[in-house]
Amino acid sequence: LEKNASGIVIVVDDKDQFVGTVTDGDIRREML
């Protein structure tokens, strides 16, 4: 997230199929 500065990452499975997204806010909530 820091490297690409987009504010979002795209999560894929082992077959490179789209699973979902994660934002920095999602991570903050999980850490809390």
PDB file of all heavy atoms in Angstrom:
ATOM      1  N   LEU A   1       0.832  -1.208   0.000  1.00  0.00           N
ATOM      2  CA  LEU A   1       0.000   0.000   0.000  1.00  0.00           C
ATOM      3  C   LEU A   1       0.864   1.254   0.000  1.00  0.00           C
ATOM      4  O   LEU A   1       0.568   2.220  -0.714  1.00  0.00           O
ATOM      5  CB  LEU A   1      -0.931   0.014   1.214  1.00  0.00           C
ATOM      6  CG  LEU A   1      -2.189  -0.819   1.120  1.00  0.00           C
ATOM      7  CD1 LEU A   1      -2.827  -0.968   2.488  1.00  0.00           C
ATOM      8  CD2 LEU A   1      -3.167  -0.204   0.143  1.00  0.00           C
ATOM      9  N   GLU A   2       1.919   1.242   0.774  1.00  0.00           N
ATOM     10  CA  GLU A   2       2.827   2.393   0.835  1.00  0.00           C
ATOM     11  C   GLU A   2       3.570   2.566  -0.488  1.00  0.00           C
ATOM     12  O   GLU A   2       3.757   3.673  -0.977  1.00  0.00           O
ATOM     13  CB  GLU A   2       3.816   2.205   1.984  1.00  0.00           C
ATOM     14  CG  GLU A   2       4.783   3.345   2.152  1.00  0.00           C
ATOM     15  CD  GLU A   2       4.116   4.618   2.625  1.00  0.00           C
ATOM     16  OE1 GLU A   2       3.050   4.559   3.259  1.00  0.00           O
ATOM     17  OE2 GLU A   2       4.685   5.688   2.349  1.00  0.00           O
ATOM     18  N   LYS A   3       3.980   1.453  -1.066  1.00  0.00           N
ATOM     19  CA  LYS A   3       4.764   1.489  -2.302  1.00  0.00           C
ATOM     20  C   LYS A   3       3.958   2.006  -3.479  1.00  0.00           C
ATOM     21  O   LYS A   3       4.431   2.841  -4.240  1.00  0.00           O
ATOM     22  CB  LYS A   3       5.295   0.092  -2.615  1.00  0.00           C
ATOM     23  CG  LYS A   3       6.109   0.004  -3.875  1.00  0.00           C
ATOM     24  CD  LYS A   3       6.577  -1.411  -4.115  1.00  0.00           C
ATOM     25  CE  LYS A   3       7.264  -1.521  -5.460  1.00  0.00           C
ATOM     26  NZ  LYS A   3       7.581  -2.909  -5.778  1.00  0.00           N
ATOM     27  N   ASN A   4       2.723   1.521  -3.636  1.00  0.00           N
ATOM     28  CA  ASN A   4       1.953   1.911  -4.820  1.00  0.00           C
ATOM     29  C   ASN A   4       1.119   3.167  -4.606  1.00  0.00           C
ATOM     30  O   ASN A   4       0.600   3.732  -5.556  1.00  0.00           O
ATOM     31  CB  ASN A   4       1.097   0.752  -5.346  1.00  0.00           C
ATOM     32  CG  ASN A   4      -0.033   0.368  -4.436  1.00  0.00           C
ATOM     33  OD1 ASN A   4      -0.650   1.206  -3.781  1.00  0.00           O
ATOM     34  ND2 ASN A   4      -0.339  -0.912  -4.385  1.00  0.00           N
ATOM     35  N   ALA A   5       0.978   3.598  -3.373  1.00  0.00           N
ATOM     36  CA  ALA A   5       0.282   4.850  -3.028  1.00  0.00           C
ATOM     37  C   ALA A   5      -1.119   4.954  -3.621  1.00  0.00           C
ATOM     38  O   ALA A   5      -1.635   6.042  -3.797  1.00  0.00           O
ATOM     39  CB  ALA A   5       1.124   6.048  -3.439  1.00  0.00           C
ATOM     40  N   SER A   6      -1.736   3.814  -3.903  1.00  0.00           N
ATOM     41  CA  SER A   6      -3.085   3.838  -4.464  1.00  0.00           C
ATOM     42  C   SER A   6      -4.151   3.812  -3.383  1.00  0.00           C
ATOM     43  O   SER A   6      -5.298   4.158  -3.626  1.00  0.00           O
ATOM     44  CB  SER A   6      -3.294   2.637  -5.390  1.00  0.00           C
ATOM     45  OG  SER A   6      -3.258   1.439  -4.639  1.00  0.00           O
ATOM     46  N   GLY A   7      -3.779   3.353  -2.177  1.00  0.00           N
ATOM     47  CA  GLY A   7      -4.733   3.262  -1.090  1.00  0.00           C
ATOM     48  C   GLY A   7      -5.545   1.981  -1.108  1.00  0.00           C
ATOM     49  O   GLY A   7      -6.433   1.789  -0.280  1.00  0.00           O
ATOM     50  N   ILE A   8      -5.236   1.083  -2.064  1.00  0.00           N
ATOM     51  CA  ILE A   8      -5.983  -0.164  -2.174  1.00  0.00           C
ATOM     52  C   ILE A   8      -5.083  -1.252  -2.753  1.00  0.00           C
ATOM     53  O   ILE A   8      -4.187  -0.971  -3.547  1.00  0.00           O
ATOM     54  CB  ILE A   8      -7.242   0.025  -3.060  1.00  0.00           C
ATOM     55  CG1 ILE A   8      -8.191  -1.155  -2.938  1.00  0.00           C
ATOM     56  CG2 ILE A   8      -6.865   0.308  -4.499  1.00  0.00           C
ATOM     57  CD1 ILE A   8      -9.543  -0.916  -3.561  1.00  0.00           C
ATOM     58  N   VAL A   9      -5.307  -2.484  -2.303  1.00  0.00           N
ATOM     59  CA  VAL A   9      -4.662  -3.637  -2.919  1.00  0.00           C
ATOM     60  C   VAL A   9      -5.757  -4.602  -3.363  1.00  0.00           C
ATOM     61  O   VAL A   9      -6.839  -4.650  -2.787  1.00  0.00           O
ATOM     62  CB  VAL A   9      -3.657  -4.347  -1.982  1.00  0.00           C
ATOM     63  CG1 VAL A   9      -2.444  -3.476  -1.737  1.00  0.00           C
ATOM     64  CG2 VAL A   9      -4.289  -4.758  -0.681  1.00  0.00           C
ATOM     65  N   ILE A  10      -5.453  -5.352  -4.404  1.00  0.00           N
ATOM     66  CA  ILE A  10      -6.396  -6.308  -4.978  1.00  0.00           C
ATOM     67  C   ILE A  10      -5.956  -7.701  -4.563  1.00  0.00           C
ATOM     68  O   ILE A  10      -4.808  -8.091  -4.795  1.00  0.00           O
ATOM     69  CB  ILE A  10      -6.429  -6.186  -6.510  1.00  0.00           C
ATOM     70  CG1 ILE A  10      -6.831  -4.761  -6.900  1.00  0.00           C
ATOM     71  CG2 ILE A  10      -7.365  -7.220  -7.118  1.00  0.00           C
ATOM     72  CD1 ILE A  10      -6.593  -4.431  -8.349  1.00  0.00           C
ATOM     73  N   VAL A  11      -6.858  -8.435  -3.949  1.00  0.00           N
ATOM     74  CA  VAL A  11      -6.539  -9.768  -3.439  1.00  0.00           C
ATOM     75  C   VAL A  11      -6.994 -10.814  -4.458  1.00  0.00           C
ATOM     76  O   VAL A  11      -8.120 -10.770  -4.945  1.00  0.00           O
ATOM     77  CB  VAL A  11      -7.226 -10.017  -2.077  1.00  0.00           C
ATOM     78  CG1 VAL A  11      -6.842 -11.382  -1.529  1.00  0.00           C
ATOM     79  CG2 VAL A  11      -6.863  -8.916  -1.084  1.00  0.00           C
ATOM     80  N   VAL A  12      -6.072 -11.748  -4.770  1.00  0.00           N
ATOM     81  CA  VAL A  12      -6.371 -12.823  -5.721  1.00  0.00           C
ATOM     82  C   VAL A  12      -6.075 -14.165  -5.065  1.00  0.00           C
ATOM     83  O   VAL A  12      -5.297 -14.252  -4.119  1.00  0.00           O
ATOM     84  CB  VAL A  12      -5.547 -12.670  -7.021  1.00  0.00           C
ATOM     85  CG1 VAL A  12      -5.963 -11.424  -7.788  1.00  0.00           C
ATOM     86  CG2 VAL A  12      -4.062 -12.652  -6.747  1.00  0.00           C
ATOM     87  N   ASP A  13      -6.703 -15.216  -5.596  1.00  0.00           N
ATOM     88  CA  ASP A  13      -6.462 -16.560  -5.069  1.00  0.00           C
ATOM     89  C   ASP A  13      -5.284 -17.215  -5.787  1.00  0.00           C
ATOM     90  O   ASP A  13      -4.577 -16.561  -6.566  1.00  0.00           O
ATOM     91  CB  ASP A  13      -7.731 -17.412  -5.160  1.00  0.00           C
ATOM     92  CG  ASP A  13      -8.206 -17.663  -6.577  1.00  0.00           C
ATOM     93  OD1 ASP A  13      -7.444 -17.417  -7.546  1.00  0.00           O
ATOM     94  OD2 ASP A  13      -9.356 -18.105  -6.742  1.00  0.00           O
ATOM     95  N   ASP A  14      -5.079 -18.508  -5.563  1.00  0.00           N
ATOM     96  CA  ASP A  14      -3.956 -19.235  -6.154  1.00  0.00           C
ATOM     97  C   ASP A  14      -4.019 -19.310  -7.675  1.00  0.00           C
ATOM     98  O   ASP A  14      -3.009 -19.531  -8.331  1.00  0.00           O
ATOM     99  CB  ASP A  14      -3.878 -20.652  -5.590  1.00  0.00           C
ATOM    100  CG  ASP A  14      -3.546 -20.659  -4.110  1.00  0.00           C
ATOM    101  OD1 ASP A  14      -2.972 -19.652  -3.628  1.00  0.00           O
ATOM    102  OD2 ASP A  14      -3.860 -21.647  -3.435  1.00  0.00           O
ATOM    103  N   LYS A  15      -5.210 -19.119  -8.232  1.00  0.00           N
ATOM    104  CA  LYS A  15      -5.395 -19.155  -9.686  1.00  0.00           C
ATOM    105  C   LYS A  15      -5.450 -17.750 -10.281  1.00  0.00           C
ATOM    106  O   LYS A  15      -5.869 -17.570 -11.405  1.00  0.00           O
ATOM    107  CB  LYS A  15      -6.671 -19.921 -10.029  1.00  0.00           C
ATOM    108  CG  LYS A  15      -6.627 -21.369  -9.599  1.00  0.00           C
ATOM    109  CD  LYS A  15      -7.926 -22.065  -9.898  1.00  0.00           C
ATOM    110  CE  LYS A  15      -7.890 -23.482  -9.368  1.00  0.00           C
ATOM    111  NZ  LYS A  15      -9.168 -24.174  -9.559  1.00  0.00           N
ATOM    112  N   ASP A  16      -5.029 -16.761  -9.487  1.00  0.00           N
ATOM    113  CA  ASP A  16      -5.051 -15.350  -9.878  1.00  0.00           C
ATOM    114  C   ASP A  16      -6.454 -14.839 -10.208  1.00  0.00           C
ATOM    115  O   ASP A  16      -6.623 -13.939 -11.021  1.00  0.00           O
ATOM    116  CB  ASP A  16      -4.104 -15.073 -11.046  1.00  0.00           C
ATOM    117  CG  ASP A  16      -2.655 -15.105 -10.630  1.00  0.00           C
ATOM    118  OD1 ASP A  16      -2.382 -14.889  -9.424  1.00  0.00           O
ATOM    119  OD2 ASP A  16      -1.780 -15.329 -11.483  1.00  0.00           O
ATOM    120  N   GLN A  17      -7.447 -15.420  -9.546  1.00  0.00           N
ATOM    121  CA  GLN A  17      -8.818 -14.965  -9.697  1.00  0.00           C
ATOM    122  C   GLN A  17      -9.123 -13.932  -8.620  1.00  0.00           C
ATOM    123  O   GLN A  17      -8.724 -14.091  -7.466  1.00  0.00           O
ATOM    124  CB  GLN A  17      -9.804 -16.139  -9.563  1.00  0.00           C
ATOM    125  CG  GLN A  17      -9.636 -17.188 -10.641  1.00  0.00           C
ATOM    126  CD  GLN A  17     -10.034 -16.675 -12.000  1.00  0.00           C
ATOM    127  OE1 GLN A  17     -11.074 -16.048 -12.158  1.00  0.00           O
ATOM    128  NE2 GLN A  17      -9.194 -16.929 -12.989  1.00  0.00           N
ATOM    129  N   PHE A  18      -9.843 -12.895  -8.994  1.00  0.00           N
ATOM    130  CA  PHE A  18     -10.193 -11.826  -8.069  1.00  0.00           C
ATOM    131  C   PHE A  18     -10.988 -12.362  -6.883  1.00  0.00           C
ATOM    132  O   PHE A  18     -11.941 -13.103  -7.049  1.00  0.00           O
ATOM    133  CB  PHE A  18     -11.018 -10.767  -8.812  1.00  0.00           C
ATOM    134  CG  PHE A  18     -11.524  -9.665  -7.942  1.00  0.00           C
ATOM    135  CD1 PHE A  18     -10.700  -8.625  -7.568  1.00  0.00           C
ATOM    136  CD2 PHE A  18     -12.843  -9.661  -7.497  1.00  0.00           C
ATOM    137  CE1 PHE A  18     -11.170  -7.597  -6.767  1.00  0.00           C
ATOM    138  CE2 PHE A  18     -13.326  -8.639  -6.703  1.00  0.00           C
ATOM    139  CZ  PHE A  18     -12.485  -7.603  -6.340  1.00  0.00           C
ATOM    140  N   VAL A  19     -10.561 -11.972  -5.669  1.00  0.00           N
ATOM    141  CA  VAL A  19     -11.256 -12.354  -4.446  1.00  0.00           C
ATOM    142  C   VAL A  19     -11.895 -11.128  -3.807  1.00  0.00           C
ATOM    143  O   VAL A  19     -13.030 -11.169  -3.358  1.00  0.00           O
ATOM    144  CB  VAL A  19     -10.299 -13.032  -3.441  1.00  0.00           C
ATOM    145  CG1 VAL A  19     -10.996 -13.310  -2.119  1.00  0.00           C
ATOM    146  CG2 VAL A  19      -9.717 -14.298  -4.024  1.00  0.00           C
ATOM    147  N   GLY A  20     -11.159 -10.022  -3.762  1.00  0.00           N
ATOM    148  CA  GLY A  20     -11.680  -8.815  -3.145  1.00  0.00           C
ATOM    149  C   GLY A  20     -10.614  -7.741  -3.039  1.00  0.00           C
ATOM    150  O   GLY A  20      -9.577  -7.816  -3.687  1.00  0.00           O
ATOM    151  N   THR A  21     -10.878  -6.756  -2.191  1.00  0.00           N
ATOM    152  CA  THR A  21      -9.958  -5.638  -2.021  1.00  0.00           C
ATOM    153  C   THR A  21      -9.672  -5.400  -0.542  1.00  0.00           C
ATOM    154  O   THR A  21     -10.435  -5.829   0.323  1.00  0.00           O
ATOM    155  CB  THR A  21     -10.540  -4.344  -2.608  1.00  0.00           C
ATOM    156  OG1 THR A  21     -11.765  -4.033  -1.937  1.00  0.00           O
ATOM    157  CG2 THR A  21     -10.782  -4.469  -4.106  1.00  0.00           C
ATOM    158  N   VAL A  22      -8.581  -4.705  -0.289  1.00  0.00           N
ATOM    159  CA  VAL A  22      -8.222  -4.293   1.066  1.00  0.00           C
ATOM    160  C   VAL A  22      -7.695  -2.864   0.986  1.00  0.00           C
ATOM    161  O   VAL A  22      -6.866  -2.555   0.128  1.00  0.00           O
ATOM    162  CB  VAL A  22      -7.145  -5.207   1.684  1.00  0.00           C
ATOM    163  CG1 VAL A  22      -6.699  -4.689   3.033  1.00  0.00           C
ATOM    164  CG2 VAL A  22      -7.653  -6.631   1.810  1.00  0.00           C
ATOM    165  N   THR A  23      -8.190  -2.017   1.871  1.00  0.00           N
ATOM    166  CA  THR A  23      -7.696  -0.646   1.960  1.00  0.00           C
ATOM    167  C   THR A  23      -6.936  -0.464   3.268  1.00  0.00           C
ATOM    168  O   THR A  23      -6.999  -1.321   4.158  1.00  0.00           O
ATOM    169  CB  THR A  23      -8.847   0.378   1.909  1.00  0.00           C
ATOM    170  OG1 THR A  23      -9.656   0.207   3.079  1.00  0.00           O
ATOM    171  CG2 THR A  23      -9.685   0.210   0.654  1.00  0.00           C
ATOM    172  N   ASP A  24      -6.270   0.665   3.387  1.00  0.00           N
ATOM    173  CA  ASP A  24      -5.557   0.926   4.634  1.00  0.00           C
ATOM    174  C   ASP A  24      -6.539   1.036   5.801  1.00  0.00           C
ATOM    175  O   ASP A  24      -6.241   0.635   6.918  1.00  0.00           O
ATOM    176  CB  ASP A  24      -4.674   2.164   4.528  1.00  0.00           C
ATOM    177  CG  ASP A  24      -5.431   3.416   4.120  1.00  0.00           C
ATOM    178  OD1 ASP A  24      -6.561   3.312   3.627  1.00  0.00           O
ATOM    179  OD2 ASP A  24      -4.870   4.510   4.298  1.00  0.00           O
ATOM    180  N   GLY A  25      -7.729   1.537   5.554  1.00  0.00           N
ATOM    181  CA  GLY A  25      -8.758   1.618   6.595  1.00  0.00           C
ATOM    182  C   GLY A  25      -9.206   0.251   7.068  1.00  0.00           C
ATOM    183  O   GLY A  25      -9.444   0.046   8.268  1.00  0.00           O
ATOM    184  N   ASP A  26      -9.315  -0.701   6.152  1.00  0.00           N
ATOM    185  CA  ASP A  26      -9.665  -2.077   6.524  1.00  0.00           C
ATOM    186  C   ASP A  26      -8.617  -2.658   7.465  1.00  0.00           C
ATOM    187  O   ASP A  26      -8.940  -3.323   8.452  1.00  0.00           O
ATOM    188  CB  ASP A  26      -9.766  -2.972   5.283  1.00  0.00           C
ATOM    189  CG  ASP A  26     -10.858  -2.547   4.328  1.00  0.00           C
ATOM    190  OD1 ASP A  26     -11.901  -2.044   4.784  1.00  0.00           O
ATOM    191  OD2 ASP A  26     -10.659  -2.721   3.110  1.00  0.00           O
ATOM    192  N   ILE A  27      -7.358  -2.381   7.159  1.00  0.00           N
ATOM    193  CA  ILE A  27      -6.270  -2.887   7.997  1.00  0.00           C
ATOM    194  C   ILE A  27      -6.292  -2.219   9.364  1.00  0.00           C
ATOM    195  O   ILE A  27      -6.126  -2.883  10.390  1.00  0.00           O
ATOM    196  CB  ILE A  27      -4.914  -2.707   7.290  1.00  0.00           C
ATOM    197  CG1 ILE A  27      -4.856  -3.632   6.071  1.00  0.00           C
ATOM    198  CG2 ILE A  27      -3.755  -2.980   8.246  1.00  0.00           C
ATOM    199  CD1 ILE A  27      -3.638  -3.453   5.192  1.00  0.00           C
ATOM    200  N   ARG A  28      -6.541  -0.916   9.411  1.00  0.00           N
ATOM    201  CA  ARG A  28      -6.614  -0.217  10.705  1.00  0.00           C
ATOM    202  C   ARG A  28      -7.713  -0.802  11.571  1.00  0.00           C
ATOM    203  O   ARG A  28      -7.519  -1.056  12.765  1.00  0.00           O
ATOM    204  CB  ARG A  28      -6.869   1.282  10.491  1.00  0.00           C
ATOM    205  CG  ARG A  28      -5.635   2.055  10.127  1.00  0.00           C
ATOM    206  CD  ARG A  28      -5.866   3.550  10.259  1.00  0.00           C
ATOM    207  NE  ARG A  28      -7.017   4.045   9.525  1.00  0.00           N
ATOM    208  CZ  ARG A  28      -6.980   4.484   8.272  1.00  0.00           C
ATOM    209  NH1 ARG A  28      -5.846   4.492   7.614  1.00  0.00           N
ATOM    210  NH2 ARG A  28      -8.066   4.925   7.688  1.00  0.00           N
ATOM    211  N   ARG A  29      -8.883  -1.062  10.991  1.00  0.00           N
ATOM    212  CA  ARG A  29      -9.988  -1.633  11.751  1.00  0.00           C
ATOM    213  C   ARG A  29      -9.632  -3.027  12.271  1.00  0.00           C
ATOM    214  O   ARG A  29      -9.960  -3.381  13.406  1.00  0.00           O
ATOM    215  CB  ARG A  29     -11.261  -1.674  10.909  1.00  0.00           C
ATOM    216  CG  ARG A  29     -11.941  -0.322  10.791  1.00  0.00           C
ATOM    217  CD  ARG A  29     -13.271  -0.410  10.074  1.00  0.00           C
ATOM    218  NE  ARG A  29     -13.116  -0.659   8.640  1.00  0.00           N
ATOM    219  CZ  ARG A  29     -12.813   0.282   7.743  1.00  0.00           C
ATOM    220  NH1 ARG A  29     -12.622   1.516   8.118  1.00  0.00           N
ATOM    221  NH2 ARG A  29     -12.710  -0.021   6.470  1.00  0.00           N
ATOM    222  N   GLU A  30      -8.955  -3.820  11.454  1.00  0.00           N
ATOM    223  CA  GLU A  30      -8.548  -5.165  11.874  1.00  0.00           C
ATOM    224  C   GLU A  30      -7.531  -5.097  13.015  1.00  0.00           C
ATOM    225  O   GLU A  30      -7.595  -5.881  13.959  1.00  0.00           O
ATOM    226  CB  GLU A  30      -7.957  -5.931  10.687  1.00  0.00           C
ATOM    227  CG  GLU A  30      -7.675  -7.375  10.967  1.00  0.00           C
ATOM    228  CD  GLU A  30      -8.921  -8.211  11.209  1.00  0.00           C
ATOM    229  OE1 GLU A  30     -10.021  -7.868  10.746  1.00  0.00           O
ATOM    230  OE2 GLU A  30      -8.780  -9.258  11.888  1.00  0.00           O
ATOM    231  N   MET A  31      -6.614  -4.153  12.942  1.00  0.00           N
ATOM    232  CA  MET A  31      -5.609  -3.987  13.998  1.00  0.00           C
ATOM    233  C   MET A  31      -6.271  -3.555  15.306  1.00  0.00           C
ATOM    234  O   MET A  31      -5.862  -3.989  16.382  1.00  0.00           O
ATOM    235  CB  MET A  31      -4.542  -2.975  13.579  1.00  0.00           C
ATOM    236  CG  MET A  31      -3.742  -3.355  12.342  1.00  0.00           C
ATOM    237  SD  MET A  31      -2.780  -4.850  12.519  1.00  0.00           S
ATOM    238  CE  MET A  31      -1.542  -4.302  13.646  1.00  0.00           C
ATOM    239  N   LEU A  32      -7.295  -2.718  15.219  1.00  0.00           N
ATOM    240  CA  LEU A  32      -8.012  -2.293  16.426  1.00  0.00           C
ATOM    241  C   LEU A  32      -8.741  -3.460  17.092  1.00  0.00           C
ATOM    242  O   LEU A  32      -9.010  -3.428  18.287  1.00  0.00           O
ATOM    243  CB  LEU A  32      -8.997  -1.167  16.106  1.00  0.00           C
ATOM    244  CG  LEU A  32      -8.357   0.183  15.810  1.00  0.00           C
ATOM    245  CD1 LEU A  32      -9.406   1.169  15.297  1.00  0.00           C
ATOM    246  CD2 LEU A  32      -7.665   0.728  17.043  1.00  0.00           C
TER     247      LEU A  32
END
